């Protein structure tokens, strides 16, 4: 794939691939501190890399045809591995992210109608109002004030969820919910050696102990929301047609069976935890990347000025905000929301020339795939132009997996992308964010990819061209 660009290239920070294999203790330290540090040069050069390690036989697949085989053509032979379940299930329960087999199929069929294009478009005004509220808050502050952009992206995406999942409000402080989510990912996202070696769940894990207050906070908040909404529905009074009501009324189109209270709760926790996190990180990385590339930022600003003018963001604008969308697509290429996924082979299989024994692990790492040198030109450079319509068709569907692929593709991808474009366009129209001088940005993997220590940025209001002429 290739496209021609004449603009200078910004290469954002990322861990340098290793040239030597890690010993066992070094591997365990790297996985716990930041799993991005474990990748080798070969992973970014070879389509399939197989080796033996702490997790047994592991095959890392970065060949698009091989990925299609795993996620689509022979998906029934690959289940989520025990390590992922051990890490995610304590917080997310048996929701869409962690369920398997018939349990997952039932939930997927039941929840799919909640994310149709029509339903997602219906949430458009809520997303616009949340984005406008964020900008108004920034505008009330003096120019040059420093904010943690990562934290503010968490706040705005939680605001969207409050307006779309539980429109009657959160029974607790929304900021407290945001802090709980951050603590949860920082704690549970550190891979514990006990999980790697398959110790039973009753053996205490430091991460789980630290995450327990956050998990308890989630459960209490969601239980209160569900109880209040069920009481409202039972009373016969009009109820908001938000995701919470839709979840409680959802029924499997094949069997008519609804979700249990536990399934409703675990999926709301999933939407709050995983759903918000995806969009918040995509926006954080987009703002950072634009702050480092004046050409890209100017192009986004020009586009939003021309498309939006002085009116509100409306659904028909999305198809014209092509460069704004390309920035988000490039941000989640460089810093994919889910940087790693793995499966366990149920039966013997073969990918290309490599045998996959039953019981062995197969990994697909979007972080590696999106930077693979055989699949991308200038893979470590920030180049939104590669996702413009005229160039996008050159990208193999299975070389770009910010939301996965196949039957388990992220059900909320369209929700997340619509929200991200609305928020980024709203910000770019009125504000500029610049990284605080001297701050070193470092991506760290905690289930998702976050900027370590937040993202301190100076916020200033944009000066319109008309104002400059008048001056």
Protein backbone atom coordinates (compact mmCIF):
# COMPACT_ATOMS: atom_id res chain seq x y z
CA UNK A 1 0.00 0.00 0.00
CA UNK A 2 1.31 3.44 -0.80
CA UNK A 3 0.22 7.04 -1.13
CA UNK A 4 2.24 10.13 -1.85
CA UNK A 5 2.53 12.91 0.68
CA UNK A 6 4.84 15.89 0.73
CA UNK A 7 4.18 17.09 4.30
CA UNK A 8 6.68 16.46 7.12
CA UNK A 9 5.95 13.31 9.09
CA UNK A 10 5.45 13.22 12.84
CA UNK A 11 6.48 9.96 14.46
CA UNK A 12 4.79 9.73 17.86
CA UNK A 13 6.47 7.92 20.75
CA UNK A 14 6.26 4.18 21.18
CA UNK A 15 8.51 1.53 22.76
CA UNK A 16 11.39 0.46 20.56
CA UNK A 17 11.02 -3.20 19.50
CA UNK A 18 13.42 -5.59 21.20
CA UNK A 19 16.24 -7.36 19.39
CA UNK A 20 16.84 -10.03 22.02
CA UNK A 21 14.51 -12.49 23.71
CA UNK A 22 13.55 -11.76 27.29
CA UNK A 23 14.27 -14.24 30.04
CA UNK A 24 11.39 -15.45 32.18
CA UNK A 25 11.72 -12.86 34.98
CA UNK A 26 12.30 -10.00 32.53
CA UNK A 27 9.27 -11.13 30.52
CA UNK A 28 7.06 -11.16 33.61
CA UNK A 29 8.27 -7.69 34.61
CA UNK A 30 7.67 -6.32 31.11
CA UNK A 31 4.17 -7.78 30.88
CA UNK A 32 3.25 -6.33 34.26
CA UNK A 33 4.83 -2.91 33.73
CA UNK A 34 3.88 -2.35 30.08
CA UNK A 35 3.24 -5.26 27.69
CA UNK A 36 4.19 -3.05 24.72
CA UNK A 37 7.80 -3.57 25.81
CA UNK A 38 7.75 -7.28 25.04
CA UNK A 39 7.42 -7.07 21.25
CA UNK A 40 10.41 -8.09 19.12
CA UNK A 41 11.64 -6.75 15.80
CA UNK A 42 10.49 -9.99 14.16
CA UNK A 43 6.89 -9.32 15.14
CA UNK A 44 6.90 -6.17 13.02
CA UNK A 45 8.60 -7.90 10.08
CA UNK A 46 7.24 -11.45 9.83
CA UNK A 47 3.64 -12.45 9.02
CA UNK A 48 3.61 -15.28 11.58
CA UNK A 49 5.92 -15.71 14.58
CA UNK A 50 5.81 -18.82 16.75
CA UNK A 51 7.65 -19.48 19.99
CA UNK A 52 7.54 -21.12 23.40
CA UNK A 53 7.28 -19.05 26.56
CA UNK A 54 5.55 -18.59 29.88
CA UNK A 55 2.18 -19.06 28.20
CA UNK A 56 3.27 -22.21 26.38
CA UNK A 57 3.28 -22.28 22.60
CA UNK A 58 2.23 -18.88 21.23
CA UNK A 59 1.68 -17.98 17.59
CA UNK A 60 1.47 -14.26 16.78
CA UNK A 61 -0.36 -13.73 13.49
CA UNK A 62 -0.02 -10.49 11.50
CA UNK A 63 -0.93 -11.92 8.11
CA UNK A 64 -4.32 -10.54 7.00
CA UNK A 65 -5.31 -13.84 5.39
CA UNK A 66 -4.36 -15.72 8.55
CA UNK A 67 -6.29 -13.24 10.69
CA UNK A 68 -9.36 -13.70 8.50
CA UNK A 69 -9.00 -17.45 8.95
CA UNK A 70 -8.96 -17.10 12.76
CA UNK A 71 -11.68 -14.48 13.17
CA UNK A 72 -14.04 -15.42 10.33
CA UNK A 73 -13.45 -18.54 8.26
CA UNK A 74 -12.64 -20.87 11.16
CA UNK A 75 -13.79 -18.71 14.09
CA UNK A 76 -15.58 -21.65 15.73
CA UNK A 77 -12.18 -23.28 16.34
CA UNK A 78 -10.84 -20.34 18.35
CA UNK A 79 -12.26 -19.39 21.74
CA UNK A 80 -11.15 -16.60 24.03
CA UNK A 81 -8.25 -17.89 26.07
CA UNK A 82 -8.34 -18.41 29.82
CA UNK A 83 -5.86 -15.58 30.53
CA UNK A 84 -8.17 -12.95 29.01
CA UNK A 85 -11.15 -14.32 30.90
CA UNK A 86 -9.23 -14.36 34.20
CA UNK A 87 -8.24 -10.71 33.74
CA UNK A 88 -11.54 -9.30 32.46
CA UNK A 89 -14.26 -11.36 34.12
CA UNK A 90 -13.80 -10.01 37.70
CA UNK A 91 -14.90 -6.57 36.52
CA UNK A 92 -16.93 -7.19 33.36
CA UNK A 93 -18.66 -10.41 34.42
CA UNK A 94 -20.12 -12.58 31.68
CA UNK A 95 -21.15 -9.81 29.32
CA UNK A 96 -20.52 -9.56 25.59
CA UNK A 97 -16.77 -9.13 26.00
CA UNK A 98 -16.21 -12.28 28.05
CA UNK A 99 -19.15 -14.62 27.25
CA UNK A 100 -18.58 -17.61 24.97
CA UNK A 101 -20.62 -20.06 22.92
CA UNK A 102 -24.42 -20.08 23.17
CA UNK A 103 -24.32 -17.57 26.03
CA UNK A 104 -22.49 -15.06 23.81
CA UNK A 105 -24.69 -15.74 20.75
CA UNK A 106 -27.86 -15.12 22.78
CA UNK A 107 -26.53 -11.82 24.12
CA UNK A 108 -25.26 -10.70 20.71
CA UNK A 109 -28.59 -11.40 18.99
CA UNK A 110 -30.46 -9.66 21.77
CA UNK A 111 -28.26 -6.56 21.90
CA UNK A 112 -27.71 -6.07 18.15
CA UNK A 113 -30.94 -4.05 17.63
CA UNK A 114 -29.69 -1.53 20.21
CA UNK A 115 -26.86 -0.51 17.85
CA UNK A 116 -28.57 -0.28 14.47
CA UNK A 117 -27.69 2.83 12.41
CA UNK A 118 -31.12 4.28 13.17
CA UNK A 119 -30.73 3.82 16.93
CA UNK A 120 -27.19 5.21 16.96
CA UNK A 121 -28.25 8.25 14.90
CA UNK A 122 -30.99 8.81 17.45
CA UNK A 123 -28.29 9.46 20.05
CA UNK A 124 -26.75 12.22 17.90
CA UNK A 125 -28.25 15.21 19.80
CA UNK A 126 -27.06 13.79 23.14
CA UNK A 127 -23.51 13.49 21.83
CA UNK A 128 -23.59 17.04 20.44
CA UNK A 129 -24.81 18.47 23.74
CA UNK A 130 -22.12 16.62 25.71
CA UNK A 131 -19.42 17.96 23.35
CA UNK A 132 -20.82 21.50 23.55
CA UNK A 133 -20.90 21.28 27.34
CA UNK A 134 -17.21 20.36 27.41
CA UNK A 135 -16.27 23.30 25.18
CA UNK A 136 -18.38 25.72 27.22
CA UNK A 137 -16.58 24.59 30.37
CA UNK A 138 -13.21 25.23 28.74
CA UNK A 139 -14.33 28.62 27.43
CA UNK A 140 -15.16 29.80 30.94
CA UNK A 141 -11.49 29.38 31.88
CA UNK A 142 -8.63 31.69 31.06
CA UNK A 143 -6.64 31.00 27.90
CA UNK A 144 -3.55 28.88 28.46
CA UNK A 145 -4.96 27.00 31.42
CA UNK A 146 -3.63 23.44 31.69
CA UNK A 147 -6.09 20.55 31.70
CA UNK A 148 -5.61 16.81 31.69
CA UNK A 149 -7.05 16.13 28.26
CA UNK A 150 -7.24 12.39 28.94
CA UNK A 151 -9.36 13.04 32.04
CA UNK A 152 -11.58 15.50 30.19
CA UNK A 153 -12.12 12.98 27.39
CA UNK A 154 -13.18 10.52 30.07
CA UNK A 155 -15.63 13.10 31.40
CA UNK A 156 -17.17 13.90 28.03
CA UNK A 157 -17.61 10.26 27.06
CA UNK A 158 -19.18 9.51 30.43
CA UNK A 159 -21.48 12.48 29.86
CA UNK A 160 -22.54 10.85 26.58
CA UNK A 161 -23.17 7.54 28.33
CA UNK A 162 -25.21 9.27 31.02
CA UNK A 163 -27.37 10.84 28.31
CA UNK A 164 -27.77 7.64 26.26
CA UNK A 165 -27.69 4.73 28.74
CA UNK A 166 -29.26 6.25 31.85
CA UNK A 167 -30.88 9.55 30.95
CA UNK A 168 -32.43 10.02 34.38
CA UNK A 169 -28.95 10.53 35.78
CA UNK A 170 -26.35 8.61 37.73
CA UNK A 171 -27.18 8.06 41.41
CA UNK A 172 -23.59 8.91 42.29
CA UNK A 173 -21.11 11.62 41.29
CA UNK A 174 -20.24 11.10 37.57
CA UNK A 175 -16.66 12.25 38.26
CA UNK A 176 -16.43 9.55 40.93
CA UNK A 177 -17.55 7.05 38.31
CA UNK A 178 -14.80 8.29 35.97
CA UNK A 179 -12.17 7.98 38.69
CA UNK A 180 -13.40 4.48 39.48
CA UNK A 181 -13.05 3.46 35.84
CA UNK A 182 -9.50 4.82 35.71
CA UNK A 183 -8.55 2.98 38.89
CA UNK A 184 -10.13 -0.18 37.58
CA UNK A 185 -8.16 -0.22 34.33
CA UNK A 186 -4.91 0.78 36.04
CA UNK A 187 -5.30 -2.00 38.60
CA UNK A 188 -6.87 -4.90 36.75
CA UNK A 189 -4.94 -4.06 33.57
CA UNK A 190 -1.62 -5.06 35.10
CA UNK A 191 -1.14 -8.69 34.14
CA UNK A 192 -0.45 -10.76 37.25
CA UNK A 193 2.06 -13.65 37.05
CA UNK A 194 -0.49 -15.76 38.94
CA UNK A 195 -2.88 -15.37 36.01
CA UNK A 196 -0.14 -16.21 33.50
CA UNK A 197 0.63 -19.45 35.30
CA UNK A 198 -3.03 -20.33 35.78
CA UNK A 199 -3.24 -20.21 39.57
CA UNK A 200 -6.81 -20.76 40.86
CA UNK A 201 -9.03 -17.72 41.35
CA UNK A 202 -9.08 -18.06 45.11
CA UNK A 203 -5.39 -17.14 45.28
CA UNK A 204 -5.34 -13.33 45.92
CA UNK A 205 -4.10 -11.04 43.14
CA UNK A 206 -2.79 -7.56 43.97
CA UNK A 207 -4.55 -6.02 40.96
CA UNK A 208 -7.89 -7.56 41.85
CA UNK A 209 -7.61 -6.44 45.46
CA UNK A 210 -6.87 -2.87 44.32
CA UNK A 211 -9.70 -2.98 41.78
CA UNK A 212 -12.27 -4.39 44.21
CA UNK A 213 -13.54 -0.97 45.45
CA UNK A 214 -14.00 0.17 41.84
CA UNK A 215 -15.83 -3.02 40.90
CA UNK A 216 -18.07 -2.69 43.96
CA UNK A 217 -18.76 0.93 43.03
CA UNK A 218 -19.75 -0.13 39.48
CA UNK A 219 -22.08 -2.82 40.74
CA UNK A 220 -23.78 -0.61 43.33
CA UNK A 221 -24.27 2.20 40.81
CA UNK A 222 -25.68 -0.08 38.12
CA UNK A 223 -27.92 -1.99 40.56
CA UNK A 224 -29.45 1.29 41.72
CA UNK A 225 -30.03 2.34 38.10
CA UNK A 226 -31.66 -0.96 37.18
CA UNK A 227 -33.89 -1.05 40.27
CA UNK A 228 -35.10 2.51 39.71
CA UNK A 229 -35.82 1.94 36.02
CA UNK A 230 -37.63 -1.37 36.62
CA UNK A 231 -39.82 0.35 39.21
CA UNK A 232 -40.61 3.12 36.71
CA UNK A 233 -41.48 0.62 33.96
CA UNK A 234 -43.68 -1.36 36.37
CA UNK A 235 -45.55 1.79 37.40
CA UNK A 236 -46.79 2.39 33.87
CA UNK A 237 -45.30 5.88 33.82
CA UNK A 238 -43.44 6.95 30.63
CA UNK A 239 -39.80 5.80 30.70
CA UNK A 240 -36.87 7.25 28.72
CA UNK A 241 -36.14 5.32 25.53
CA UNK A 242 -32.45 5.07 26.38
CA UNK A 243 -30.16 2.06 26.32
CA UNK A 244 -31.12 1.05 29.85
CA UNK A 245 -34.80 0.74 28.92
CA UNK A 246 -33.89 -0.98 25.67
CA UNK A 247 -31.73 -3.48 27.56
CA UNK A 248 -34.50 -4.27 30.02
CA UNK A 249 -37.01 -4.75 27.21
CA UNK A 250 -34.64 -6.52 24.80
CA UNK A 251 -35.59 -10.00 23.63
CA UNK A 252 -33.79 -12.59 21.55
CA UNK A 253 -35.42 -12.38 18.08
CA UNK A 254 -35.18 -16.17 17.72
CA UNK A 255 -36.48 -17.30 21.11
CA UNK A 256 -38.18 -14.25 22.62
CA UNK A 257 -36.07 -14.69 25.75
CA UNK A 258 -34.98 -11.51 27.50
CA UNK A 259 -31.77 -10.78 29.36
CA UNK A 260 -31.50 -11.76 33.01
CA UNK A 261 -30.84 -9.07 35.61
CA UNK A 262 -27.24 -10.28 35.83
CA UNK A 263 -26.82 -10.05 32.03
CA UNK A 264 -28.32 -6.56 31.99
CA UNK A 265 -25.97 -5.49 34.78
CA UNK A 266 -22.82 -7.00 33.26
CA UNK A 267 -23.52 -5.46 29.86
CA UNK A 268 -24.14 -2.01 31.33
CA UNK A 269 -20.85 -2.33 33.19
CA UNK A 270 -19.27 -3.37 29.87
CA UNK A 271 -20.71 -0.32 28.09
CA UNK A 272 -19.52 1.97 30.89
CA UNK A 273 -16.08 0.43 31.26
CA UNK A 274 -15.06 -0.82 27.83
CA UNK A 275 -17.35 1.37 25.70
CA UNK A 276 -16.43 4.68 27.24
CA UNK A 277 -12.75 3.76 27.42
CA UNK A 278 -12.54 3.12 23.67
CA UNK A 279 -13.82 6.55 22.69
CA UNK A 280 -12.03 8.47 25.44
CA UNK A 281 -8.67 7.06 24.41
CA UNK A 282 -9.31 7.60 20.70
CA UNK A 283 -10.05 11.26 21.41
CA UNK A 284 -7.08 11.68 23.76
CA UNK A 285 -4.64 10.33 21.20
CA UNK A 286 -6.26 12.37 18.40
CA UNK A 287 -5.83 15.60 20.36
CA UNK A 288 -2.23 14.76 21.18
CA UNK A 289 -1.35 13.90 17.58
CA UNK A 290 -2.95 17.07 16.23
CA UNK A 291 -1.01 19.14 18.76
CA UNK A 292 2.21 17.80 17.25
CA UNK A 293 1.30 18.25 13.57
CA UNK A 294 0.40 21.79 12.54
CA UNK A 295 -0.47 20.76 8.99
CA UNK A 296 -3.00 18.17 10.17
CA UNK A 297 -4.49 20.49 12.77
CA UNK A 298 -4.89 23.32 10.25
CA UNK A 299 -6.60 20.94 7.85
CA UNK A 300 -9.05 19.76 10.50
CA UNK A 301 -9.81 23.36 11.50
CA UNK A 302 -10.38 24.38 7.88
CA UNK A 303 -12.68 21.41 7.34
CA UNK A 304 -14.83 22.00 10.42
CA UNK A 305 -15.06 25.73 9.64
CA UNK A 306 -16.30 25.00 6.13
CA UNK A 307 -18.63 22.12 7.00
CA UNK A 308 -20.10 23.32 10.28
CA UNK A 309 -19.96 27.10 9.80
CA UNK A 310 -21.76 28.62 12.80
CA UNK A 311 -24.50 25.99 13.15
CA UNK A 312 -24.72 22.88 15.30
CA UNK A 313 -23.20 19.57 14.28
CA UNK A 314 -25.85 17.56 12.46
CA UNK A 315 -25.94 13.96 11.15
CA UNK A 316 -25.51 14.98 7.49
CA UNK A 317 -22.22 16.69 8.38
CA UNK A 318 -20.49 13.39 9.20
CA UNK A 319 -20.02 12.33 5.58
CA UNK A 320 -18.27 15.64 4.86
CA UNK A 321 -15.95 15.58 7.89
CA UNK A 322 -13.67 13.16 6.05
CA UNK A 323 -10.33 14.48 7.30
CA UNK A 324 -11.56 14.75 10.88
CA UNK A 325 -12.64 11.11 10.68
CA UNK A 326 -9.29 10.20 9.08
CA UNK A 327 -7.44 11.70 12.06
CA UNK A 328 -9.42 9.48 14.43
CA UNK A 329 -8.85 6.43 12.22
CA UNK A 330 -5.11 7.12 12.18
CA UNK A 331 -5.06 7.71 15.94
CA UNK A 332 -6.59 4.29 16.60
CA UNK A 333 -4.20 2.74 14.10
CA UNK A 334 -1.20 4.04 16.03
CA UNK A 335 -2.82 3.53 19.43
CA UNK A 336 -5.56 0.90 19.01
CA UNK A 337 -8.13 0.76 21.84
CA UNK A 338 -7.62 -2.98 22.21
CA UNK A 339 -3.92 -3.49 21.44
CA UNK A 340 -3.96 -7.26 21.96
CA UNK A 341 -6.36 -10.17 21.59
CA UNK A 342 -5.72 -13.86 21.90
CA UNK A 343 -7.49 -17.13 21.29
CA UNK A 344 -7.01 -20.79 22.17
CA UNK A 345 -7.22 -23.35 19.35
CA UNK A 346 -9.85 -25.99 20.10
CA UNK A 347 -8.60 -28.41 17.42
CA UNK A 348 -5.42 -28.70 15.37
CA UNK A 349 -5.25 -26.15 12.58
CA UNK A 350 -2.82 -24.63 10.13
CA UNK A 351 -2.19 -20.98 9.23
CA UNK A 352 -0.08 -20.66 6.12
CA UNK A 353 2.91 -22.90 6.68
CA UNK A 354 2.55 -22.93 10.47
CA UNK A 355 0.87 -25.72 12.42
CA UNK A 356 -1.44 -24.65 15.26
CA UNK A 357 -1.73 -27.49 17.79
CA UNK A 358 -4.96 -27.88 19.74
CA UNK A 359 -4.76 -26.08 23.07
CA UNK A 360 -2.08 -23.60 21.96
CA UNK A 361 -2.57 -19.84 21.98
CA UNK A 362 -2.89 -17.64 18.93
CA UNK A 363 -2.42 -13.88 19.33
CA UNK A 364 -3.55 -11.06 17.08
CA UNK A 365 -2.05 -7.79 18.29
CA UNK A 366 -3.58 -4.74 16.56
CA UNK A 367 -0.75 -2.65 18.02
CA UNK A 368 1.76 -4.81 16.09
CA UNK A 369 -0.46 -5.35 13.05
CA UNK A 370 -1.06 -1.61 12.63
CA UNK A 371 2.68 -0.94 12.65
CA UNK A 372 3.74 -3.95 10.58
CA UNK A 373 6.39 -2.97 8.07
CA UNK A 374 5.12 -5.30 5.35
CA UNK A 375 1.60 -3.88 5.50
CA UNK A 376 2.03 -0.12 5.93
CA UNK A 377 4.15 2.66 4.44
CA UNK A 378 5.86 4.66 7.18
CA UNK A 379 4.02 2.56 9.80
CA UNK A 380 5.23 4.59 12.80
CA UNK A 381 4.32 7.96 11.27
CA UNK A 382 1.13 9.96 11.79
CA UNK A 383 -0.47 10.16 8.34
CA UNK A 384 -4.25 10.73 8.43
CA UNK A 385 -4.27 10.97 4.62
CA UNK A 386 -3.98 7.20 4.37
CA UNK A 387 -7.60 6.99 5.59
CA UNK A 388 -9.10 9.45 3.12
CA UNK A 389 -11.65 7.76 0.82
CA UNK A 390 -9.33 7.67 -2.19
CA UNK A 391 -6.61 5.88 -0.18
CA UNK A 392 -8.62 3.81 2.27
CA UNK A 393 -9.58 1.22 -0.34
CA UNK A 394 -5.92 0.16 -0.47
CA UNK A 395 -6.03 -1.01 3.17
CA UNK A 396 -6.76 -4.72 3.64
CA UNK A 397 -9.79 -5.20 5.89
CA UNK A 398 -7.81 -7.57 8.10
CA UNK A 399 -4.74 -5.31 8.35
CA UNK A 400 -6.70 -2.73 10.36
CA UNK A 401 -8.58 -3.95 13.43
CA UNK A 402 -9.30 -1.12 15.87
CA UNK A 403 -12.66 -2.75 16.67
CA UNK A 404 -11.84 -6.36 15.80
CA UNK A 405 -13.50 -8.29 12.98
CA UNK A 406 -15.73 -11.24 12.33
CA UNK A 407 -18.66 -12.32 14.50
CA UNK A 408 -17.13 -10.67 17.58
CA UNK A 409 -16.47 -7.28 15.99
CA UNK A 410 -17.20 -4.53 18.53
CA UNK A 411 -20.97 -4.05 18.63
CA UNK A 412 -20.57 -0.39 19.58
CA UNK A 413 -18.08 0.62 16.87
CA UNK A 414 -20.50 2.91 15.02
CA UNK A 415 -21.60 4.50 18.31
CA UNK A 416 -17.97 5.16 19.27
CA UNK A 417 -16.91 6.58 15.89
CA UNK A 418 -19.95 8.84 15.62
CA UNK A 419 -19.27 10.16 19.10
CA UNK A 420 -15.54 10.66 18.43
CA UNK A 421 -16.12 12.66 15.23
CA UNK A 422 -18.74 14.87 16.91
CA UNK A 423 -16.51 15.62 19.90
CA UNK A 424 -13.32 16.22 17.91
CA UNK A 425 -15.08 18.47 15.39
CA UNK A 426 -16.75 20.44 18.19
CA UNK A 427 -13.44 20.95 19.96
CA UNK A 428 -11.51 21.85 16.79
CA UNK A 429 -14.07 24.48 15.82
CA UNK A 430 -13.58 26.49 19.02
CA UNK A 431 -10.44 25.41 20.86
CA UNK A 432 -6.81 24.48 20.46
CA UNK A 433 -4.98 22.10 22.76
CA UNK A 434 -1.17 22.06 23.00
CA UNK A 435 0.94 19.61 24.94
CA UNK A 436 2.59 21.16 27.98
CA UNK A 437 6.24 21.90 27.26
CA UNK A 438 8.61 19.17 28.37
CA UNK A 439 5.94 16.55 29.03
CA UNK A 440 6.98 13.14 27.70
CA UNK A 441 4.09 11.13 26.30
CA UNK A 442 4.30 7.37 26.73
CA UNK A 443 1.66 4.82 25.69
CA UNK A 444 1.03 2.17 28.33
CA UNK A 445 -1.10 -0.93 27.94
CA UNK A 446 -3.68 -1.44 30.68
CA UNK A 447 -6.11 -3.62 28.74
CA UNK A 448 -6.53 -0.50 26.59
CA UNK A 449 -3.78 1.92 25.47
CA UNK A 450 -3.56 5.00 27.65
CA UNK A 451 -1.06 7.87 27.91
CA UNK A 452 0.88 7.17 31.09
CA UNK A 453 0.23 9.82 33.72
CA UNK A 454 -2.46 11.56 31.71
CA UNK A 455 -2.15 14.19 28.99
CA UNK A 456 -1.48 17.74 30.30
CA UNK A 457 -2.41 20.25 27.61
CA UNK A 458 -2.89 24.02 27.41
CA UNK A 459 -6.30 25.07 26.18
CA UNK A 460 -6.80 28.28 24.22
CA UNK A 461 -9.70 29.60 22.22
CA UNK A 462 -9.27 29.78 18.48
CA UNK A 463 -9.20 33.21 16.85
CA UNK A 464 -11.42 33.23 13.77
CA UNK A 465 -10.18 34.60 10.44
CA UNK A 466 -12.85 37.31 10.65
CA UNK A 467 -11.48 38.46 14.02
CA UNK A 468 -7.97 38.63 12.61
CA UNK A 469 -9.16 40.77 9.66
CA UNK A 470 -11.03 43.14 12.00
CA UNK A 471 -7.95 43.42 14.22
